[in-house]
Amino acid sequence: MAGEPVAVDLPFVSDGEYFYKASGGQILRTPVDGGASQTLADSPAVIGLMQLADERLYFVAEDAGAYSLWQMSAGGGTPSLVMPIEDPQVVRYAVDGELVYVFDVDGTEWVLRSVPRTGGDPVELARGPGDLAGAPQVPAALAGQGGRLYWVTRGGFVRSIDAAGGAITDLADSAIDIQANKDLPDIALSDTHVAWSIIQQAQTSFPIFRVPLDGGERETLLDDEVQALRLVHWDGSLYFVDVADPSDHHLGRVPAAGGPWEVVACYEPASSIGGVVVDQTGIYARTPDGTVRFAH
């Protein structure tokens, strides 16, 4: 399937009407169906991790050597500080309701905090060892849904906690050789399950696993020698990039409830895999010639 070139290059986020991205010290909005970009705001140096939730944009930015999480209206305006962060390489966050949930580091520990999405005093929800010895337990992919938070650690463990705090629930033990893990996992939530994948060094496949939101038996949704990265849940399916062939990536799709997977499109990848964006207008991926859109 041939992809349709789009004028805005990944990384970006989309609401199906506009692409939003940071470029040249500005936050820009570009119509999905083409047209001129609109400057929404000047901003500090955005380093990534942009999200769109409830018509608001969130992003991590650097200013004079200090890193912070910011937010602003998707319609434009002045960005406002949500909270400072310590390590932009470690930080992960999720927006759910009126709160933002942020994983960061605090000395030799990881810490999970909540903060009002318009900014305010952070509330600590949980913490744990974040040094080298505790690295397999360090949260590395985070999502929120229905008043609970879910995360996958660097070692492939799946956990959850009530959004108000309390005891951490172990949903699934690691399904990988922890010593082989060399990169960060991906996470995606459906109405009933947590799905995740994780890169494994010297392995021929990066499977997709799932477990019920309230815990239970871990299932392998997809193995088949696929190296699945960049999970996105959309309309009952999990979309991913199969990077088993470094010169010919596959956009794949597997039913979130289980079943055979299928190739949606094949493309030559850019030097950097980048993200995959899925919205009601299509699936977006990065190629050497720029970002292209494929049909669902």
Foldseek 3Di string as FASTA:
>chain_A
DDFAFDPDFDDFADPQQWTWDDDDQFIWIAGPVGDDIDTQEGHAAFPDPWDADPQKIWTWHDDPRWIFIWMDGVNHDYIDTAGTADDPVQKDWEDDPQKIWIWGDDVQKIWIWITGPRHDDIDTADMDGRHPVCQQVRWFEWYDDDQKIWTAGLQGWIWMAGNVHDDIGGADDHPDDSVQFDDGKYWEDDPFKIKIWGDGHPDQETWIWIATPVHDDIDTQDTPSFHWHQWYDDDQKTWTWGCSDVQKIFTKIAGPVHDDIDTQDIAGADPDFGHWYDDPVAIWTAHVVGITGGHD
